[in-house]
Amino acid sequence: MAKEKRFEKVYSQDLGTMMILVDKETGVNYLFASSGYAGGLTPLLDREGKPVITPIVNK
């Protein structure tokens, strides 16, 4: 039985590498950016400083 992937890429932009990933278990959105050998991952925040959460649809 194949294990389902936890993260889903919902947006990408070609500036080095920039993408938004959604954790399919919690709904939290993360911004991933990399350029050359450097990269970073951080939760995507709204204007109030709270994490952006995508509603999870139960399968």
PDB file of N, CA and C in Angstrom:
ATOM      1  N   MET A   1       0.843  -1.186   0.000  1.00  0.00           N
ATOM      2  CA  MET A   1       0.000   0.000   0.000  1.00  0.00           C
ATOM      3  C   MET A   1       0.886   1.247   0.000  1.00  0.00           C
ATOM      4  N   ALA A   2       0.652   2.136  -0.955  1.00  0.00           N
ATOM      5  CA  ALA A   2       1.461   3.345  -1.064  1.00  0.00           C
ATOM      6  C   ALA A   2       1.028   4.366  -0.022  1.00  0.00           C
ATOM      7  N   LYS A   3       2.008   5.009   0.592  1.00  0.00           N
ATOM      8  CA  LYS A   3       1.725   6.032   1.597  1.00  0.00           C
ATOM      9  C   LYS A   3       1.392   7.346   0.889  1.00  0.00           C
ATOM     10  N   GLU A   4       0.317   7.996   1.317  1.00  0.00           N
ATOM     11  CA  GLU A   4      -0.095   9.253   0.712  1.00  0.00           C
ATOM     12  C   GLU A   4       0.850  10.372   1.134  1.00  0.00           C
ATOM     13  N   LYS A   5       1.143  11.278   0.207  1.00  0.00           N
ATOM     14  CA  LYS A   5       2.036  12.397   0.504  1.00  0.00           C
ATOM     15  C   LYS A   5       1.337  13.402   1.410  1.00  0.00           C
ATOM     16  N   ARG A   6       2.090  13.913   2.378  1.00  0.00           N
ATOM     17  CA  ARG A   6       1.524  14.831   3.369  1.00  0.00           C
ATOM     18  C   ARG A   6       1.420  16.259   2.830  1.00  0.00           C
ATOM     19  N   PHE A   7       2.371  16.687   1.995  1.00  0.00           N
ATOM     20  CA  PHE A   7       2.390  18.068   1.505  1.00  0.00           C
ATOM     21  C   PHE A   7       1.978  18.128   0.043  1.00  0.00           C
ATOM     22  N   GLU A   8       1.245  19.190  -0.298  1.00  0.00           N
ATOM     23  CA  GLU A   8       0.809  19.399  -1.670  1.00  0.00           C
ATOM     24  C   GLU A   8       1.286  20.781  -2.121  1.00  0.00           C
ATOM     25  N   LYS A   9       1.898  20.849  -3.301  1.00  0.00           N
ATOM     26  CA  LYS A   9       2.326  22.136  -3.854  1.00  0.00           C
ATOM     27  C   LYS A   9       1.112  22.787  -4.509  1.00  0.00           C
ATOM     28  N   VAL A  10       0.753  23.989  -4.034  1.00  0.00           N
ATOM     29  CA  VAL A  10      -0.428  24.672  -4.564  1.00  0.00           C
ATOM     30  C   VAL A  10      -0.072  25.904  -5.393  1.00  0.00           C
ATOM     31  N   TYR A  11       1.195  26.351  -5.326  1.00  0.00           N
ATOM     32  CA  TYR A  11       1.615  27.524  -6.086  1.00  0.00           C
ATOM     33  C   TYR A  11       3.125  27.472  -6.259  1.00  0.00           C
ATOM     34  N   SER A  12       3.598  27.867  -7.421  1.00  0.00           N
ATOM     35  CA  SER A  12       5.044  28.003  -7.611  1.00  0.00           C
ATOM     36  C   SER A  12       5.323  29.209  -8.484  1.00  0.00           C
ATOM     37  N   GLN A  13       6.492  29.802  -8.269  1.00  0.00           N
ATOM     38  CA  GLN A  13       6.918  30.995  -8.991  1.00  0.00           C
ATOM     39  C   GLN A  13       8.393  30.844  -9.270  1.00  0.00           C
ATOM     40  N   ASP A  14       8.807  31.210 -10.463  1.00  0.00           N
ATOM     41  CA  ASP A  14      10.192  30.991 -10.873  1.00  0.00           C
ATOM     42  C   ASP A  14      11.079  32.184 -10.519  1.00  0.00           C
ATOM     43  N   LEU A  15      11.330  32.352  -9.242  1.00  0.00           N
ATOM     44  CA  LEU A  15      12.315  33.337  -8.757  1.00  0.00           C
ATOM     45  C   LEU A  15      13.301  32.540  -7.923  1.00  0.00           C
ATOM     46  N   GLY A  16      14.319  31.949  -8.564  1.00  0.00           N
ATOM     47  CA  GLY A  16      15.075  30.896  -7.900  1.00  0.00           C
ATOM     48  C   GLY A  16      14.108  29.742  -7.842  1.00  0.00           C
ATOM     49  N   THR A  17      13.674  29.377  -6.687  1.00  0.00           N
ATOM     50  CA  THR A  17      12.551  28.454  -6.522  1.00  0.00           C
ATOM     51  C   THR A  17      11.714  28.987  -5.374  1.00  0.00           C
ATOM     52  N   MET A  18      10.447  29.241  -5.650  1.00  0.00           N
ATOM     53  CA  MET A  18       9.538  29.712  -4.619  1.00  0.00           C
ATOM     54  C   MET A  18       8.221  28.973  -4.785  1.00  0.00           C
ATOM     55  N   MET A  19       7.721  28.393  -3.686  1.00  0.00           N
ATOM     56  CA  MET A  19       6.455  27.674  -3.771  1.00  0.00           C
ATOM     57  C   MET A  19       5.713  27.725  -2.449  1.00  0.00           C
ATOM     58  N   ILE A  20       4.401  27.526  -2.539  1.00  0.00           N
ATOM     59  CA  ILE A  20       3.571  27.405  -1.349  1.00  0.00           C
ATOM     60  C   ILE A  20       3.141  25.952  -1.255  1.00  0.00           C
ATOM     61  N   LEU A  21       3.376  25.381  -0.070  1.00  0.00           N
ATOM     62  CA  LEU A  21       3.014  23.993   0.206  1.00  0.00           C
ATOM     63  C   LEU A  21       1.931  23.984   1.272  1.00  0.00           C
ATOM     64  N   VAL A  22       0.987  23.051   1.164  1.00  0.00           N
ATOM     65  CA  VAL A  22      -0.066  22.894   2.170  1.00  0.00           C
ATOM     66  C   VAL A  22       0.107  21.540   2.838  1.00  0.00           C
ATOM     67  N   ASP A  23       0.135  21.557   4.162  1.00  0.00           N
ATOM     68  CA  ASP A  23       0.163  20.326   4.948  1.00  0.00           C
ATOM     69  C   ASP A  23      -1.258  19.764   4.915  1.00  0.00           C
ATOM     70  N   LYS A  24      -1.458  18.615   4.304  1.00  0.00           N
ATOM     71  CA  LYS A  24      -2.794  18.062   4.126  1.00  0.00           C
ATOM     72  C   LYS A  24      -3.395  17.516   5.414  1.00  0.00           C
ATOM     73  N   GLU A  25      -2.613  17.409   6.483  1.00  0.00           N
ATOM     74  CA  GLU A  25      -3.156  16.966   7.775  1.00  0.00           C
ATOM     75  C   GLU A  25      -3.631  18.141   8.622  1.00  0.00           C
ATOM     76  N   THR A  26      -2.917  19.275   8.571  1.00  0.00           N
ATOM     77  CA  THR A  26      -3.263  20.419   9.417  1.00  0.00           C
ATOM     78  C   THR A  26      -3.870  21.589   8.639  1.00  0.00           C
ATOM     79  N   GLY A  27      -3.636  21.657   7.331  1.00  0.00           N
ATOM     80  CA  GLY A  27      -4.120  22.762   6.511  1.00  0.00           C
ATOM     81  C   GLY A  27      -3.203  23.971   6.525  1.00  0.00           C
ATOM     82  N   VAL A  28      -2.124  23.937   7.299  1.00  0.00           N
ATOM     83  CA  VAL A  28      -1.202  25.076   7.396  1.00  0.00           C
ATOM     84  C   VAL A  28      -0.439  25.235   6.073  1.00  0.00           C
ATOM     85  N   ASN A  29      -0.326  26.495   5.611  1.00  0.00           N
ATOM     86  CA  ASN A  29       0.401  26.826   4.386  1.00  0.00           C
ATOM     87  C   ASN A  29       1.821  27.239   4.737  1.00  0.00           C
ATOM     88  N   TYR A  30       2.782  26.777   3.938  1.00  0.00           N
ATOM     89  CA  TYR A  30       4.189  27.098   4.140  1.00  0.00           C
ATOM     90  C   TYR A  30       4.758  27.703   2.872  1.00  0.00           C
ATOM     91  N   LEU A  31       5.647  28.678   3.029  1.00  0.00           N
ATOM     92  CA  LEU A  31       6.381  29.259   1.917  1.00  0.00           C
ATOM     93  C   LEU A  31       7.772  28.651   1.912  1.00  0.00           C
ATOM     94  N   PHE A  32       8.154  28.053   0.780  1.00  0.00           N
ATOM     95  CA  PHE A  32       9.494  27.501   0.601  1.00  0.00           C
ATOM     96  C   PHE A  32      10.186  28.310  -0.476  1.00  0.00           C
ATOM     97  N   ALA A  33      11.404  28.765  -0.190  1.00  0.00           N
ATOM     98  CA  ALA A  33      12.183  29.516  -1.170  1.00  0.00           C
ATOM     99  C   ALA A  33      13.609  29.004  -1.168  1.00  0.00           C
ATOM    100  N   SER A  34      14.200  28.897  -2.353  1.00  0.00           N
ATOM    101  CA  SER A  34      15.601  28.497  -2.444  1.00  0.00           C
ATOM    102  C   SER A  34      16.252  29.201  -3.613  1.00  0.00           C
ATOM    103  N   SER A  35      17.548  29.365  -3.486  1.00  0.00           N
ATOM    104  CA  SER A  35      18.363  29.960  -4.539  1.00  0.00           C
ATOM    105  C   SER A  35      19.775  29.414  -4.374  1.00  0.00           C
ATOM    106  N   GLY A  36      20.272  28.760  -5.417  1.00  0.00           N
ATOM    107  CA  GLY A  36      21.593  28.144  -5.318  1.00  0.00           C
ATOM    108  C   GLY A  36      21.588  27.060  -4.264  1.00  0.00           C
ATOM    109  N   TYR A  37      22.513  27.147  -3.308  1.00  0.00           N
ATOM    110  CA  TYR A  37      22.622  26.140  -2.252  1.00  0.00           C
ATOM    111  C   TYR A  37      21.860  26.517  -0.984  1.00  0.00           C
ATOM    112  N   ALA A  38      21.189  27.666  -0.983  1.00  0.00           N
ATOM    113  CA  ALA A  38      20.481  28.129   0.211  1.00  0.00           C
ATOM    114  C   ALA A  38      18.976  27.954   0.037  1.00  0.00           C
ATOM    115  N   GLY A  39      18.267  27.737   1.141  1.00  0.00           N
ATOM    116  CA  GLY A  39      16.823  27.606   1.083  1.00  0.00           C
ATOM    117  C   GLY A  39      16.219  27.770   2.457  1.00  0.00           C
ATOM    118  N   GLY A  40      14.922  27.999   2.488  1.00  0.00           N
ATOM    119  CA  GLY A  40      14.248  28.159   3.758  1.00  0.00           C
ATOM    120  C   GLY A  40      12.774  27.839   3.656  1.00  0.00           C
ATOM    121  N   LEU A  41      12.181  27.485   4.790  1.00  0.00           N
ATOM    122  CA  LEU A  41      10.773  27.135   4.885  1.00  0.00           C
ATOM    123  C   LEU A  41      10.190  27.869   6.085  1.00  0.00           C
ATOM    124  N   THR A  42       9.033  28.507   5.893  1.00  0.00           N
ATOM    125  CA  THR A  42       8.394  29.236   6.977  1.00  0.00           C
ATOM    126  C   THR A  42       6.885  29.162   6.813  1.00  0.00           C
ATOM    127  N   PRO A  43       6.127  29.191   7.915  1.00  0.00           N
ATOM    128  CA  PRO A  43       4.671  29.242   7.780  1.00  0.00           C
ATOM    129  C   PRO A  43       4.265  30.552   7.098  1.00  0.00           C
ATOM    130  N   LEU A  44       3.268  30.482   6.265  1.00  0.00           N
ATOM    131  CA  LEU A  44       2.735  31.675   5.616  1.00  0.00           C
ATOM    132  C   LEU A  44       1.766  32.328   6.590  1.00  0.00           C
ATOM    133  N   LEU A  45       1.942  33.631   6.860  1.00  0.00           N
ATOM    134  CA  LEU A  45       1.143  34.332   7.868  1.00  0.00           C
ATOM    135  C   LEU A  45       0.209  35.343   7.224  1.00  0.00           C
ATOM    136  N   ASP A  46      -0.944  35.572   7.866  1.00  0.00           N
ATOM    137  CA  ASP A  46      -1.845  36.620   7.408  1.00  0.00           C
ATOM    138  C   ASP A  46      -1.425  37.962   8.024  1.00  0.00           C
ATOM    139  N   ARG A  47      -2.169  38.993   7.771  1.00  0.00           N
ATOM    140  CA  ARG A  47      -1.761  40.325   8.250  1.00  0.00           C
ATOM    141  C   ARG A  47      -1.820  40.466   9.759  1.00  0.00           C
ATOM    142  N   GLU A  48      -2.517  39.559  10.450  1.00  0.00           N
ATOM    143  CA  GLU A  48      -2.566  39.583  11.908  1.00  0.00           C
ATOM    144  C   GLU A  48      -1.489  38.711  12.538  1.00  0.00           C
ATOM    145  N   GLY A  49      -0.662  38.073  11.704  1.00  0.00           N
ATOM    146  CA  GLY A  49       0.414  37.234  12.207  1.00  0.00           C
ATOM    147  C   GLY A  49       0.002  35.802  12.502  1.00  0.00           C
ATOM    148  N   LYS A  50      -1.210  35.428  12.091  1.00  0.00           N
ATOM    149  CA  LYS A  50      -1.689  34.060  12.300  1.00  0.00           C
ATOM    150  C   LYS A  50      -1.395  33.227  11.055  1.00  0.00           C
ATOM    151  N   PRO A  51      -1.159  31.913  11.215  1.00  0.00           N
ATOM    152  CA  PRO A  51      -0.875  31.072  10.055  1.00  0.00           C
ATOM    153  C   PRO A  51      -2.067  31.008   9.096  1.00  0.00           C
ATOM    154  N   VAL A  52      -1.764  31.007   7.810  1.00  0.00           N
ATOM    155  CA  VAL A  52      -2.797  30.822   6.788  1.00  0.00           C
ATOM    156  C   VAL A  52      -3.149  29.334   6.775  1.00  0.00           C
ATOM    157  N   ILE A  53      -4.436  29.029   6.918  1.00  0.00           N
ATOM    158  CA  ILE A  53      -4.886  27.641   6.968  1.00  0.00           C
ATOM    159  C   ILE A  53      -5.912  27.400   5.875  1.00  0.00           C
ATOM    160  N   THR A  54      -5.651  26.375   5.064  1.00  0.00           N
ATOM    161  CA  THR A  54      -6.558  25.957   4.018  1.00  0.00           C
ATOM    162  C   THR A  54      -7.506  24.909   4.614  1.00  0.00           C
ATOM    163  N   PRO A  55      -8.821  25.080   4.421  1.00  0.00           N
ATOM    164  CA  PRO A  55      -9.753  24.065   4.940  1.00  0.00           C
ATOM    165  C   PRO A  55      -9.429  22.698   4.335  1.00  0.00           C
ATOM    166  N   ILE A  56      -9.488  21.665   5.180  1.00  0.00           N
ATOM    167  CA  ILE A  56      -9.188  20.308   4.745  1.00  0.00           C
ATOM    168  C   ILE A  56     -10.481  19.593   4.408  1.00  0.00           C
ATOM    169  N   VAL A  57     -10.515  19.005   3.209  1.00  0.00           N
ATOM    170  CA  VAL A  57     -11.682  18.246   2.774  1.00  0.00           C
ATOM    171  C   VAL A  57     -11.424  16.786   3.091  1.00  0.00           C
ATOM    172  N   ASN A  58     -12.263  16.193   3.922  1.00  0.00           N
ATOM    173  CA  ASN A  58     -12.102  14.770   4.279  1.00  0.00           C
ATOM    174  C   ASN A  58     -12.463  13.919   3.079  1.00  0.00           C
ATOM    175  N   LYS A  59     -11.647  12.883   2.880  1.00  0.00           N
ATOM    176  CA  LYS A  59     -11.863  12.011   1.721  1.00  0.00           C
ATOM    177  C   LYS A  59     -12.739  10.847   2.092  1.00  0.00           C
TER     178      LYS A  59
END
